[in-house]
Structures are given as structure tokens and as C-alpha cells.
PDB file of N, CA and C in Angstrom:
ATOM      1  N   MET A   1     -10.745   5.671  19.152  1.00  0.00           N
ATOM      2  CA  MET A   1     -11.626   4.541  18.942  1.00  0.00           C
ATOM      3  C   MET A   1     -11.724   3.777  20.266  1.00  0.00           C
ATOM      4  N   PRO A   2     -12.879   3.775  20.910  1.00  0.00           N
ATOM      5  CA  PRO A   2     -13.018   3.026  22.152  1.00  0.00           C
ATOM      6  C   PRO A   2     -12.788   1.533  21.926  1.00  0.00           C
ATOM      7  N   LEU A   3     -12.397   0.847  22.987  1.00  0.00           N
ATOM      8  CA  LEU A   3     -12.060  -0.572  22.881  1.00  0.00           C
ATOM      9  C   LEU A   3     -13.229  -1.396  22.352  1.00  0.00           C
ATOM     10  N   VAL A   4     -14.439  -1.125  22.805  1.00  0.00           N
ATOM     11  CA  VAL A   4     -15.598  -1.884  22.332  1.00  0.00           C
ATOM     12  C   VAL A   4     -15.771  -1.711  20.830  1.00  0.00           C
ATOM     13  N   SER A   5     -15.626  -0.491  20.333  1.00  0.00           N
ATOM     14  CA  SER A   5     -15.739  -0.235  18.899  1.00  0.00           C
ATOM     15  C   SER A   5     -14.664  -0.979  18.128  1.00  0.00           C
ATOM     16  N   PHE A   6     -13.451  -1.013  18.675  1.00  0.00           N
ATOM     17  CA  PHE A   6     -12.355  -1.713  18.015  1.00  0.00           C
ATOM     18  C   PHE A   6     -12.644  -3.203  17.924  1.00  0.00           C
ATOM     19  N   VAL A   7     -13.124  -3.800  19.009  1.00  0.00           N
ATOM     20  CA  VAL A   7     -13.447  -5.230  18.998  1.00  0.00           C
ATOM     21  C   VAL A   7     -14.540  -5.523  17.978  1.00  0.00           C
ATOM     22  N   ILE A   8     -15.579  -4.694  17.931  1.00  0.00           N
ATOM     23  CA  ILE A   8     -16.650  -4.884  16.939  1.00  0.00           C
ATOM     24  C   ILE A   8     -16.088  -4.753  15.533  1.00  0.00           C
ATOM     25  N   PHE A   9     -15.257  -3.757  15.304  1.00  0.00           N
ATOM     26  CA  PHE A   9     -14.621  -3.556  14.004  1.00  0.00           C
ATOM     27  C   PHE A   9     -13.843  -4.799  13.584  1.00  0.00           C
ATOM     28  N   MET A  10     -13.062  -5.364  14.500  1.00  0.00           N
ATOM     29  CA  MET A  10     -12.263  -6.545  14.194  1.00  0.00           C
ATOM     30  C   MET A  10     -13.146  -7.759  13.944  1.00  0.00           C
ATOM     31  N   ARG A  11     -14.185  -7.937  14.728  1.00  0.00           N
ATOM     32  CA  ARG A  11     -15.085  -9.078  14.543  1.00  0.00           C
ATOM     33  C   ARG A  11     -15.774  -9.040  13.189  1.00  0.00           C
ATOM     34  N   GLU A  12     -15.993  -7.851  12.674  1.00  0.00           N
ATOM     35  CA  GLU A  12     -16.658  -7.718  11.380  1.00  0.00           C
ATOM     36  C   GLU A  12     -15.675  -7.799  10.221  1.00  0.00           C
ATOM     37  N   GLY A  13     -14.462  -8.225  10.505  1.00  0.00           N
ATOM     38  CA  GLY A  13     -13.493  -8.439   9.444  1.00  0.00           C
ATOM     39  C   GLY A  13     -12.750  -7.202   9.006  1.00  0.00           C
ATOM     40  N   GLY A  14     -12.673  -6.203   9.862  1.00  0.00           N
ATOM     41  CA  GLY A  14     -12.067  -4.945   9.483  1.00  0.00           C
ATOM     42  C   GLY A  14     -10.564  -4.879   9.559  1.00  0.00           C
ATOM     43  N   GLY A  15      -9.893  -5.914  10.015  1.00  0.00           N
ATOM     44  CA  GLY A  15      -8.472  -5.742  10.194  1.00  0.00           C
ATOM     45  C   GLY A  15      -7.587  -6.917   9.841  1.00  0.00           C
ATOM     46  N   GLY A  16      -8.138  -8.055   9.454  1.00  0.00           N
ATOM     47  CA  GLY A  16      -7.293  -9.206   9.149  1.00  0.00           C
ATOM     48  C   GLY A  16      -6.611  -9.753  10.381  1.00  0.00           C
ATOM     49  N   ALA A  17      -5.424 -10.301  10.209  1.00  0.00           N
ATOM     50  CA  ALA A  17      -4.673 -10.885  11.323  1.00  0.00           C
ATOM     51  C   ALA A  17      -4.100  -9.786  12.219  1.00  0.00           C
ATOM     52  N   VAL A  18      -3.892 -10.142  13.497  1.00  0.00           N
ATOM     53  CA  VAL A  18      -3.451  -9.160  14.484  1.00  0.00           C
ATOM     54  C   VAL A  18      -2.249  -9.690  15.248  1.00  0.00           C
ATOM     55  N   ASN A  19      -1.198  -8.875  15.345  1.00  0.00           N
ATOM     56  CA  ASN A  19      -0.072  -9.124  16.243  1.00  0.00           C
ATOM     57  C   ASN A  19      -0.310  -8.292  17.494  1.00  0.00           C
ATOM     58  N   VAL A  20      -0.266  -8.932  18.673  1.00  0.00           N
ATOM     59  CA  VAL A  20      -0.437  -8.219  19.931  1.00  0.00           C
ATOM     60  C   VAL A  20       0.885  -8.304  20.687  1.00  0.00           C
ATOM     61  N   PHE A  21       1.553  -7.167  20.844  1.00  0.00           N
ATOM     62  CA  PHE A  21       2.849  -7.104  21.514  1.00  0.00           C
ATOM     63  C   PHE A  21       2.643  -6.686  22.962  1.00  0.00           C
ATOM     64  N   CYS A  22       3.323  -7.368  23.872  1.00  0.00           N
ATOM     65  CA  CYS A  22       3.200  -7.050  25.292  1.00  0.00           C
ATOM     66  C   CYS A  22       4.546  -7.289  25.962  1.00  0.00           C
ATOM     67  N   ARG A  23       4.633  -6.896  27.225  1.00  0.00           N
ATOM     68  CA  ARG A  23       5.864  -7.069  27.994  1.00  0.00           C
ATOM     69  C   ARG A  23       5.500  -7.283  29.457  1.00  0.00           C
ATOM     70  N   GLY A  24       6.196  -8.198  30.118  1.00  0.00           N
ATOM     71  CA  GLY A  24       5.946  -8.466  31.528  1.00  0.00           C
ATOM     72  C   GLY A  24       4.706  -9.310  31.743  1.00  0.00           C
ATOM     73  N   SER A  25       4.512  -9.707  32.972  1.00  0.00           N
ATOM     74  CA  SER A  25       3.370 -10.576  33.282  1.00  0.00           C
ATOM     75  C   SER A  25       2.042  -9.840  33.162  1.00  0.00           C
ATOM     76  N   SER A  26       1.991  -8.580  33.572  1.00  0.00           N
ATOM     77  CA  SER A  26       0.727  -7.845  33.455  1.00  0.00           C
ATOM     78  C   SER A  26       0.357  -7.628  31.993  1.00  0.00           C
ATOM     79  N   GLY A  27       1.337  -7.351  31.146  1.00  0.00           N
ATOM     80  CA  GLY A  27       1.066  -7.210  29.718  1.00  0.00           C
ATOM     81  C   GLY A  27       0.587  -8.505  29.100  1.00  0.00           C
ATOM     82  N   ALA A  28       1.181  -9.630  29.513  1.00  0.00           N
ATOM     83  CA  ALA A  28       0.770 -10.929  28.990  1.00  0.00           C
ATOM     84  C   ALA A  28      -0.670 -11.252  29.377  1.00  0.00           C
ATOM     85  N   ILE A  29      -1.045 -10.912  30.615  1.00  0.00           N
ATOM     86  CA  ILE A  29      -2.418 -11.140  31.060  1.00  0.00           C
ATOM     87  C   ILE A  29      -3.390 -10.299  30.241  1.00  0.00           C
ATOM     88  N   LEU A  30      -3.066  -9.023  30.070  1.00  0.00           N
ATOM     89  CA  LEU A  30      -3.939  -8.143  29.288  1.00  0.00           C
ATOM     90  C   LEU A  30      -4.046  -8.598  27.837  1.00  0.00           C
ATOM     91  N   ALA A  31      -2.935  -9.033  27.262  1.00  0.00           N
ATOM     92  CA  ALA A  31      -2.947  -9.500  25.868  1.00  0.00           C
ATOM     93  C   ALA A  31      -3.844 -10.724  25.718  1.00  0.00           C
ATOM     94  N   ALA A  32      -3.749 -11.660  26.655  1.00  0.00           N
ATOM     95  CA  ALA A  32      -4.587 -12.859  26.601  1.00  0.00           C
ATOM     96  C   ALA A  32      -6.066 -12.505  26.734  1.00  0.00           C
ATOM     97  N   LEU A  33      -6.378 -11.588  27.650  1.00  0.00           N
ATOM     98  CA  LEU A  33      -7.771 -11.148  27.796  1.00  0.00           C
ATOM     99  C   LEU A  33      -8.263 -10.468  26.520  1.00  0.00           C
ATOM    100  N   PHE A  34      -7.430  -9.623  25.945  1.00  0.00           N
ATOM    101  CA  PHE A  34      -7.806  -8.898  24.725  1.00  0.00           C
ATOM    102  C   PHE A  34      -8.111  -9.865  23.583  1.00  0.00           C
ATOM    103  N   VAL A  35      -7.222 -10.827  23.323  1.00  0.00           N
ATOM    104  CA  VAL A  35      -7.459 -11.734  22.187  1.00  0.00           C
ATOM    105  C   VAL A  35      -8.631 -12.673  22.441  1.00  0.00           C
ATOM    106  N   SER A  36      -9.008 -12.873  23.713  1.00  0.00           N
ATOM    107  CA  SER A  36     -10.176 -13.713  23.988  1.00  0.00           C
ATOM    108  C   SER A  36     -11.460 -13.082  23.455  1.00  0.00           C
ATOM    109  N   PHE A  37     -11.443 -11.779  23.219  1.00  0.00           N
ATOM    110  CA  PHE A  37     -12.600 -11.094  22.644  1.00  0.00           C
ATOM    111  C   PHE A  37     -12.620 -11.164  21.120  1.00  0.00           C
ATOM    112  N   LEU A  38     -11.605 -11.766  20.532  1.00  0.00           N
ATOM    113  CA  LEU A  38     -11.505 -11.876  19.078  1.00  0.00           C
ATOM    114  C   LEU A  38     -11.359 -13.344  18.663  1.00  0.00           C
ATOM    115  N   PRO A  39     -12.327 -14.195  19.009  1.00  0.00           N
ATOM    116  CA  PRO A  39     -12.149 -15.632  18.797  1.00  0.00           C
ATOM    117  C   PRO A  39     -12.046 -16.051  17.329  1.00  0.00           C
ATOM    118  N   HIS A  40     -12.569 -15.271  16.415  1.00  0.00           N
ATOM    119  CA  HIS A  40     -12.553 -15.658  15.008  1.00  0.00           C
ATOM    120  C   HIS A  40     -11.526 -14.889  14.191  1.00  0.00           C
ATOM    121  N   ILE A  41     -10.660 -14.165  14.876  1.00  0.00           N
ATOM    122  CA  ILE A  41      -9.611 -13.393  14.226  1.00  0.00           C
ATOM    123  C   ILE A  41      -8.285 -14.093  14.477  1.00  0.00           C
ATOM    124  N   GLU A  42      -7.477 -14.220  13.434  1.00  0.00           N
ATOM    125  CA  GLU A  42      -6.144 -14.803  13.608  1.00  0.00           C
ATOM    126  C   GLU A  42      -5.299 -13.831  14.424  1.00  0.00           C
ATOM    127  N   THR A  43      -4.897 -14.260  15.613  1.00  0.00           N
ATOM    128  CA  THR A  43      -4.104 -13.409  16.491  1.00  0.00           C
ATOM    129  C   THR A  43      -2.830 -14.122  16.915  1.00  0.00           C
ATOM    130  N   GLN A  44      -1.816 -13.333  17.176  1.00  0.00           N
ATOM    131  CA  GLN A  44      -0.558 -13.849  17.690  1.00  0.00           C
ATOM    132  C   GLN A  44      -0.098 -12.913  18.796  1.00  0.00           C
ATOM    133  N   ILE A  45       0.129 -13.475  19.994  1.00  0.00           N
ATOM    134  CA  ILE A  45       0.669 -12.679  21.098  1.00  0.00           C
ATOM    135  C   ILE A  45       2.181 -12.807  21.048  1.00  0.00           C
ATOM    136  N   ILE A  46       2.867 -11.676  20.998  1.00  0.00           N
ATOM    137  CA  ILE A  46       4.325 -11.663  20.973  1.00  0.00           C
ATOM    138  C   ILE A  46       4.800 -10.980  22.249  1.00  0.00           C
ATOM    139  N   HIS A  47       5.433 -11.755  23.107  1.00  0.00           N
ATOM    140  CA  HIS A  47       5.917 -11.246  24.388  1.00  0.00           C
ATOM    141  C   HIS A  47       7.332 -10.723  24.194  1.00  0.00           C
ATOM    142  N   VAL A  48       7.519  -9.446  24.367  1.00  0.00           N
ATOM    143  CA  VAL A  48       8.823  -8.803  24.202  1.00  0.00           C
ATOM    144  C   VAL A  48       9.543  -8.855  25.544  1.00  0.00           C
ATOM    145  N   LYS A  49      10.716  -9.455  25.554  1.00  0.00           N
ATOM    146  CA  LYS A  49      11.468  -9.640  26.799  1.00  0.00           C
ATOM    147  C   LYS A  49      12.026  -8.322  27.321  1.00  0.00           C
ATOM    148  N   LYS A  50      12.123  -8.247  28.628  1.00  0.00           N
ATOM    149  CA  LYS A  50      12.793  -7.123  29.274  1.00  0.00           C
ATOM    150  C   LYS A  50      14.299  -7.325  29.148  1.00  0.00           C
ATOM    151  N   ASP A  51      15.068  -6.246  29.269  1.00  0.00           N
ATOM    152  CA  ASP A  51      16.531  -6.350  29.235  1.00  0.00           C
ATOM    153  C   ASP A  51      16.996  -7.365  30.276  1.00  0.00           C
ATOM    154  N   GLY A  52      17.888  -8.242  29.863  1.00  0.00           N
ATOM    155  CA  GLY A  52      18.433  -9.234  30.771  1.00  0.00           C
ATOM    156  C   GLY A  52      17.683 -10.548  30.775  1.00  0.00           C
ATOM    157  N   GLU A  53      16.451 -10.568  30.247  1.00  0.00           N
ATOM    158  CA  GLU A  53      15.705 -11.822  30.158  1.00  0.00           C
ATOM    159  C   GLU A  53      16.095 -12.539  28.875  1.00  0.00           C
ATOM    160  N   SER A  54      16.366 -13.823  28.970  1.00  0.00           N
ATOM    161  CA  SER A  54      16.760 -14.546  27.755  1.00  0.00           C
ATOM    162  C   SER A  54      16.141 -15.936  27.663  1.00  0.00           C
ATOM    163  N   SER A  55      15.268 -16.301  28.606  1.00  0.00           N
ATOM    164  CA  SER A  55      14.658 -17.622  28.501  1.00  0.00           C
ATOM    165  C   SER A  55      13.805 -17.703  27.241  1.00  0.00           C
ATOM    166  N   HIS A  56      13.927 -18.785  26.539  1.00  0.00           N
ATOM    167  CA  HIS A  56      13.194 -19.022  25.293  1.00  0.00           C
ATOM    168  C   HIS A  56      13.475 -17.948  24.244  1.00  0.00           C
ATOM    169  N   SER A  57      14.682 -17.417  24.224  1.00  0.00           N
ATOM    170  CA  SER A  57      15.149 -16.423  23.249  1.00  0.00           C
ATOM    171  C   SER A  57      14.807 -15.007  23.702  1.00  0.00           C
ATOM    172  N   SER A  58      15.643 -14.074  23.321  1.00  0.00           N
ATOM    173  CA  SER A  58      15.402 -12.679  23.681  1.00  0.00           C
ATOM    174  C   SER A  58      15.071 -11.842  22.458  1.00  0.00           C
ATOM    175  N   LYS A  59      15.045 -12.456  21.287  1.00  0.00           N
ATOM    176  CA  LYS A  59      14.749 -11.734  20.043  1.00  0.00           C
ATOM    177  C   LYS A  59      13.275 -11.868  19.680  1.00  0.00           C
ATOM    178  N   VAL A  60      12.727 -10.826  19.093  1.00  0.00           N
ATOM    179  CA  VAL A  60      11.354 -10.858  18.606  1.00  0.00           C
ATOM    180  C   VAL A  60      11.407 -11.202  17.125  1.00  0.00           C
ATOM    181  N   THR A  61      10.944 -12.388  16.784  1.00  0.00           N
ATOM    182  CA  THR A  61      10.947 -12.837  15.390  1.00  0.00           C
ATOM    183  C   THR A  61       9.650 -13.575  15.100  1.00  0.00           C
ATOM    184  N   GLY A  62       9.458 -13.915  13.846  1.00  0.00           N
ATOM    185  CA  GLY A  62       8.345 -14.771  13.471  1.00  0.00           C
ATOM    186  C   GLY A  62       6.996 -14.102  13.405  1.00  0.00           C
ATOM    187  N   PHE A  63       6.951 -12.817  13.130  1.00  0.00           N
ATOM    188  CA  PHE A  63       5.659 -12.158  12.974  1.00  0.00           C
ATOM    189  C   PHE A  63       5.628 -11.424  11.644  1.00  0.00           C
ATOM    190  N   ASP A  64       4.433 -11.274  11.103  1.00  0.00           N
ATOM    191  CA  ASP A  64       4.235 -10.581   9.836  1.00  0.00           C
ATOM    192  C   ASP A  64       3.989  -9.104  10.133  1.00  0.00           C
ATOM    193  N   ALA A  65       4.926  -8.260   9.752  1.00  0.00           N
ATOM    194  CA  ALA A  65       4.834  -6.827  10.049  1.00  0.00           C
ATOM    195  C   ALA A  65       3.654  -6.160   9.338  1.00  0.00           C
ATOM    196  N   TYR A  66       3.084  -6.828   8.327  1.00  0.00           N
ATOM    197  CA  TYR A  66       1.972  -6.241   7.589  1.00  0.00           C
ATOM    198  C   TYR A  66       0.618  -6.554   8.217  1.00  0.00           C
ATOM    199  N   ASN A  67       0.588  -7.378   9.274  1.00  0.00           N
ATOM    200  CA  ASN A  67      -0.645  -7.573  10.032  1.00  0.00           C
ATOM    201  C   ASN A  67      -0.947  -6.302  10.807  1.00  0.00           C
ATOM    202  N   MET A  68      -2.138  -6.245  11.405  1.00  0.00           N
ATOM    203  CA  MET A  68      -2.433  -5.131  12.293  1.00  0.00           C
ATOM    204  C   MET A  68      -1.565  -5.319  13.536  1.00  0.00           C
ATOM    205  N   ASN A  69      -0.867  -4.288  13.944  1.00  0.00           N
ATOM    206  CA  ASN A  69       0.058  -4.361  15.080  1.00  0.00           C
ATOM    207  C   ASN A  69      -0.488  -3.570  16.255  1.00  0.00           C
ATOM    208  N   VAL A  70      -0.657  -4.273  17.376  1.00  0.00           N
ATOM    209  CA  VAL A  70      -1.228  -3.691  18.589  1.00  0.00           C
ATOM    210  C   VAL A  70      -0.204  -3.827  19.711  1.00  0.00           C
ATOM    211  N   ILE A  71       0.067  -2.747  20.419  1.00  0.00           N
ATOM    212  CA  ILE A  71       0.849  -2.808  21.656  1.00  0.00           C
ATOM    213  C   ILE A  71      -0.129  -2.625  22.800  1.00  0.00           C
ATOM    214  N   ILE A  72      -0.046  -3.509  23.792  1.00  0.00           N
ATOM    215  CA  ILE A  72      -0.939  -3.416  24.942  1.00  0.00           C
ATOM    216  C   ILE A  72      -0.094  -3.366  26.210  1.00  0.00           C
ATOM    217  N   ASP A  73      -0.445  -2.461  27.111  1.00  0.00           N
ATOM    218  CA  ASP A  73       0.263  -2.328  28.376  1.00  0.00           C
ATOM    219  C   ASP A  73      -0.733  -1.810  29.402  1.00  0.00           C
ATOM    220  N   ASP A  74      -0.406  -1.986  30.677  1.00  0.00           N
ATOM    221  CA  ASP A  74      -1.345  -1.587  31.704  1.00  0.00           C
ATOM    222  C   ASP A  74      -1.250  -0.114  32.075  1.00  0.00           C
ATOM    223  N   PHE A  75      -0.065   0.450  32.045  1.00  0.00           N
ATOM    224  CA  PHE A  75       0.086   1.826  32.507  1.00  0.00           C
ATOM    225  C   PHE A  75       1.338   2.432  31.891  1.00  0.00           C
ATOM    226  N   ILE A  76       1.277   3.692  31.525  1.00  0.00           N
ATOM    227  CA  ILE A  76       2.462   4.384  31.043  1.00  0.00           C
ATOM    228  C   ILE A  76       2.873   5.398  32.092  1.00  0.00           C
ATOM    229  N   CYS A  77       4.062   5.234  32.607  1.00  0.00           N
ATOM    230  CA  CYS A  77       4.605   6.216  33.551  1.00  0.00           C
ATOM    231  C   CYS A  77       5.600   7.090  32.795  1.00  0.00           C
ATOM    232  N   SER A  78       6.729   6.501  32.428  1.00  0.00           N
ATOM    233  CA  SER A  78       7.732   7.254  31.676  1.00  0.00           C
ATOM    234  C   SER A  78       7.614   7.014  30.178  1.00  0.00           C
ATOM    235  N   GLY A  79       6.920   5.943  29.791  1.00  0.00           N
ATOM    236  CA  GLY A  79       6.841   5.569  28.386  1.00  0.00           C
ATOM    237  C   GLY A  79       7.947   4.617  27.964  1.00  0.00           C
ATOM    238  N   GLU A  80       8.845   4.292  28.887  1.00  0.00           N
ATOM    239  CA  GLU A  80      10.008   3.459  28.558  1.00  0.00           C
ATOM    240  C   GLU A  80       9.615   2.058  28.086  1.00  0.00           C
ATOM    241  N   THR A  81       8.655   1.433  28.741  1.00  0.00           N
ATOM    242  CA  THR A  81       8.231   0.087  28.338  1.00  0.00           C
ATOM    243  C   THR A  81       7.700   0.094  26.912  1.00  0.00           C
ATOM    244  N   ILE A  82       6.842   1.039  26.599  1.00  0.00           N
ATOM    245  CA  ILE A  82       6.273   1.118  25.251  1.00  0.00           C
ATOM    246  C   ILE A  82       7.366   1.390  24.228  1.00  0.00           C
ATOM    247  N   ARG A  83       8.272   2.321  24.539  1.00  0.00           N
ATOM    248  CA  ARG A  83       9.387   2.609  23.615  1.00  0.00           C
ATOM    249  C   ARG A  83      10.257   1.380  23.399  1.00  0.00           C
ATOM    250  N   GLU A  84      10.549   0.639  24.476  1.00  0.00           N
ATOM    251  CA  GLU A  84      11.376  -0.561  24.356  1.00  0.00           C
ATOM    252  C   GLU A  84      10.688  -1.634  23.515  1.00  0.00           C
ATOM    253  N   ILE A  85       9.389  -1.803  23.692  1.00  0.00           N
ATOM    254  CA  ILE A  85       8.652  -2.754  22.854  1.00  0.00           C
ATOM    255  C   ILE A  85       8.769  -2.332  21.400  1.00  0.00           C
ATOM    256  N   TYR A  86       8.486  -1.068  21.125  1.00  0.00           N
ATOM    257  CA  TYR A  86       8.545  -0.578  19.742  1.00  0.00           C
ATOM    258  C   TYR A  86       9.949  -0.725  19.157  1.00  0.00           C
ATOM    259  N   ASN A  87      10.965  -0.329  19.897  1.00  0.00           N
ATOM    260  CA  ASN A  87      12.336  -0.440  19.393  1.00  0.00           C
ATOM    261  C   ASN A  87      12.723  -1.882  19.124  1.00  0.00           C
ATOM    262  N   ASN A  88      12.289  -2.789  19.978  1.00  0.00           N
ATOM    263  CA  ASN A  88      12.608  -4.198  19.816  1.00  0.00           C
ATOM    264  C   ASN A  88      11.944  -4.790  18.582  1.00  0.00           C
ATOM    265  N   ILE A  89      10.670  -4.481  18.364  1.00  0.00           N
ATOM    266  CA  ILE A  89       9.972  -5.084  17.223  1.00  0.00           C
ATOM    267  C   ILE A  89      10.333  -4.418  15.904  1.00  0.00           C
ATOM    268  N   SER A  90      10.808  -3.187  15.950  1.00  0.00           N
ATOM    269  CA  SER A  90      11.148  -2.501  14.702  1.00  0.00           C
ATOM    270  C   SER A  90      12.651  -2.503  14.438  1.00  0.00           C
ATOM    271  N   ALA A  91      13.421  -3.296  15.194  1.00  0.00           N
ATOM    272  CA  ALA A  91      14.874  -3.308  15.045  1.00  0.00           C
ATOM    273  C   ALA A  91      15.318  -3.785  13.667  1.00  0.00           C
ATOM    274  N   ASN A  92      14.638  -4.763  13.106  1.00  0.00           N
ATOM    275  CA  ASN A  92      15.074  -5.347  11.834  1.00  0.00           C
ATOM    276  C   ASN A  92      14.158  -5.049  10.662  1.00  0.00           C
ATOM    277  N   LYS A  93      13.016  -4.453  10.915  1.00  0.00           N
ATOM    278  CA  LYS A  93      12.094  -4.130   9.837  1.00  0.00           C
ATOM    279  C   LYS A  93      11.169  -3.009  10.271  1.00  0.00           C
ATOM    280  N   PHE A  94      10.620  -2.322   9.294  1.00  0.00           N
ATOM    281  CA  PHE A  94       9.679  -1.256   9.615  1.00  0.00           C
ATOM    282  C   PHE A  94       8.371  -1.878  10.093  1.00  0.00           C
ATOM    283  N   VAL A  95       7.897  -1.425  11.218  1.00  0.00           N
ATOM    284  CA  VAL A  95       6.628  -1.892  11.765  1.00  0.00           C
ATOM    285  C   VAL A  95       5.810  -0.673  12.157  1.00  0.00           C
ATOM    286  N   ALA A  96       4.661  -0.505  11.538  1.00  0.00           N
ATOM    287  CA  ALA A  96       3.755   0.564  11.931  1.00  0.00           C
ATOM    288  C   ALA A  96       2.886   0.063  13.074  1.00  0.00           C
ATOM    289  N   ILE A  97       2.722   0.866  14.101  1.00  0.00           N
ATOM    290  CA  ILE A  97       1.857   0.507  15.210  1.00  0.00           C
ATOM    291  C   ILE A  97       0.472   1.054  14.909  1.00  0.00           C
ATOM    292  N   ASP A  98      -0.469   0.141  14.723  1.00  0.00           N
ATOM    293  CA  ASP A  98      -1.825   0.542  14.368  1.00  0.00           C
ATOM    294  C   ASP A  98      -2.637   0.964  15.584  1.00  0.00           C
ATOM    295  N   VAL A  99      -2.457   0.246  16.697  1.00  0.00           N
ATOM    296  CA  VAL A  99      -3.259   0.513  17.887  1.00  0.00           C
ATOM    297  C   VAL A  99      -2.374   0.423  19.120  1.00  0.00           C
ATOM    298  N   LEU A 100      -2.508   1.385  20.015  1.00  0.00           N
ATOM    299  CA  LEU A 100      -1.852   1.360  21.318  1.00  0.00           C
ATOM    300  C   LEU A 100      -2.956   1.343  22.364  1.00  0.00           C
ATOM    301  N   ILE A 101      -2.964   0.296  23.208  1.00  0.00           N
ATOM    302  CA  ILE A 101      -3.989   0.168  24.241  1.00  0.00           C
ATOM    303  C   ILE A 101      -3.291   0.269  25.593  1.00  0.00           C
ATOM    304  N   VAL A 102      -3.655   1.258  26.373  1.00  0.00           N
ATOM    305  CA  VAL A 102      -3.081   1.430  27.712  1.00  0.00           C
ATOM    306  C   VAL A 102      -4.196   1.823  28.670  1.00  0.00           C
ATOM    307  N   GLU A 103      -3.986   1.521  29.942  1.00  0.00           N
ATOM    308  CA  GLU A 103      -4.975   1.879  30.962  1.00  0.00           C
ATOM    309  C   GLU A 103      -5.009   3.391  31.151  1.00  0.00           C
ATOM    310  N   SER A 104      -3.839   3.988  31.377  1.00  0.00           N
ATOM    311  CA  SER A 104      -3.807   5.434  31.612  1.00  0.00           C
ATOM    312  C   SER A 104      -2.379   5.932  31.541  1.00  0.00           C
ATOM    313  N   GLY A 105      -2.226   7.218  31.580  1.00  0.00           N
ATOM    314  CA  GLY A 105      -0.904   7.824  31.644  1.00  0.00           C
ATOM    315  C   GLY A 105      -0.273   8.103  30.296  1.00  0.00           C
ATOM    316  N   TYR A 106      -1.037   8.052  29.193  1.00  0.00           N
ATOM    317  CA  TYR A 106      -0.444   8.256  27.868  1.00  0.00           C
ATOM    318  C   TYR A 106       0.095   9.666  27.706  1.00  0.00           C
ATOM    319  N   ARG A 107       1.307   9.755  27.187  1.00  0.00           N
ATOM    320  CA  ARG A 107       1.896  11.042  26.804  1.00  0.00           C
ATOM    321  C   ARG A 107       2.441  10.883  25.392  1.00  0.00           C
ATOM    322  N   ASN A 108       2.338  11.912  24.614  1.00  0.00           N
ATOM    323  CA  ASN A 108       2.835  11.846  23.244  1.00  0.00           C
ATOM    324  C   ASN A 108       4.341  12.078  23.223  1.00  0.00           C
ATOM    325  N   SER A 109       5.087  11.203  23.869  1.00  0.00           N
ATOM    326  CA  SER A 109       6.544  11.322  23.881  1.00  0.00           C
ATOM    327  C   SER A 109       7.185   9.959  23.655  1.00  0.00           C
ATOM    328  N   LEU A 110       6.518   9.134  22.867  1.00  0.00           N
ATOM    329  CA  LEU A 110       6.965   7.758  22.696  1.00  0.00           C
ATOM    330  C   LEU A 110       7.928   7.576  21.533  1.00  0.00           C
ATOM    331  N   GLY A 111       7.999   8.527  20.627  1.00  0.00           N
ATOM    332  CA  GLY A 111       8.876   8.382  19.476  1.00  0.00           C
ATOM    333  C   GLY A 111       8.159   7.811  18.257  1.00  0.00           C
ATOM    334  N   PHE A 112       6.881   7.480  18.401  1.00  0.00           N
ATOM    335  CA  PHE A 112       6.055   7.031  17.283  1.00  0.00           C
ATOM    336  C   PHE A 112       4.623   7.424  17.599  1.00  0.00           C
ATOM    337  N   GLU A 113       3.791   7.458  16.613  1.00  0.00           N
ATOM    338  CA  GLU A 113       2.394   7.823  16.806  1.00  0.00           C
ATOM    339  C   GLU A 113       1.521   6.678  16.306  1.00  0.00           C
ATOM    340  N   PRO A 114       0.731   6.067  17.197  1.00  0.00           N
ATOM    341  CA  PRO A 114      -0.146   4.984  16.746  1.00  0.00           C
ATOM    342  C   PRO A 114      -1.294   5.520  15.901  1.00  0.00           C
ATOM    343  N   GLU A 115      -1.833   4.674  15.043  1.00  0.00           N
ATOM    344  CA  GLU A 115      -2.998   5.042  14.237  1.00  0.00           C
ATOM    345  C   GLU A 115      -4.184   5.312  15.159  1.00  0.00           C
ATOM    346  N   TYR A 116      -4.374   4.440  16.151  1.00  0.00           N
ATOM    347  CA  TYR A 116      -5.446   4.591  17.118  1.00  0.00           C
ATOM    348  C   TYR A 116      -4.888   4.474  18.524  1.00  0.00           C
ATOM    349  N   LEU A 117      -5.422   5.239  19.441  1.00  0.00           N
ATOM    350  CA  LEU A 117      -5.050   5.184  20.852  1.00  0.00           C
ATOM    351  C   LEU A 117      -6.306   4.838  21.631  1.00  0.00           C
ATOM    352  N   ILE A 118      -6.237   3.766  22.422  1.00  0.00           N
ATOM    353  CA  ILE A 118      -7.351   3.387  23.271  1.00  0.00           C
ATOM    354  C   ILE A 118      -6.854   3.475  24.709  1.00  0.00           C
ATOM    355  N   THR A 119      -7.470   4.355  25.493  1.00  0.00           N
ATOM    356  CA  THR A 119      -7.056   4.565  26.875  1.00  0.00           C
ATOM    357  C   THR A 119      -8.259   4.943  27.702  1.00  0.00           C
ATOM    358  N   LYS A 120      -8.074   4.965  28.982  1.00  0.00           N
ATOM    359  CA  LYS A 120      -9.147   5.326  29.893  1.00  0.00           C
ATOM    360  C   LYS A 120      -9.302   6.819  29.952  1.00  0.00           C
TER     361      LYS A 120
END
């Protein structure tokens, strides 16, 4: 599903509320840009901390796992960032990843399979 199609789908009420998970400053920038295209959709950006970061808490809490769950990242090299995000958010409850948005470098070695993959 191309990104434009996904945004149109969401604007037409196709997905309800959205959790957008990201990591690092580049992920936070991309997440903010992404949700700016969904002004009428309830969205929550959840920044997953890197190992060793603890400012403002290091735990991922306070999100509804039954919302549409999106992981956004700029590039996949080893897949470690995406795996760490997934492991962190699914540590205490089952979370299905509905959409994975990455610039490039996707390999099917992440340990989970998203419902939709949006990549270059």
C-alpha cells in the first residue's frame, strides 16, 4: 500500500486511532511529518527510547494496543532498531504491527510481519 493510498484510507475513516512508534531524532521527525497528514485522525506518537536513555522514563506505556499500530523509521540496515521498537512495545502485551514505514533497506528478518509495508 503506497503511502499516499494509506493517508487517503486513513482520512476516509478506514483505521480509527493510530499509534505511531519511532526511535531517535530522525524517527521523531518522520513521525511528526507523517501525523501532520492526518489532521482529523486521533494520533499518538510514542517515542521508544534507545538502550541507556532514561530521560522522561524509559518504559513504553499509555497506549491502546487495539489502535492501528505504525512503526516509522528512516532506514533499515540490520533491522535492530525496528526489532528493538517492536520488542519494547510488545514486552507487556500483544501488539500487532499494522503498518511499517521505512525509507529503504527492508529485509524480512525482523521477527514479525507487518500487515502493510510502505517503502521506497
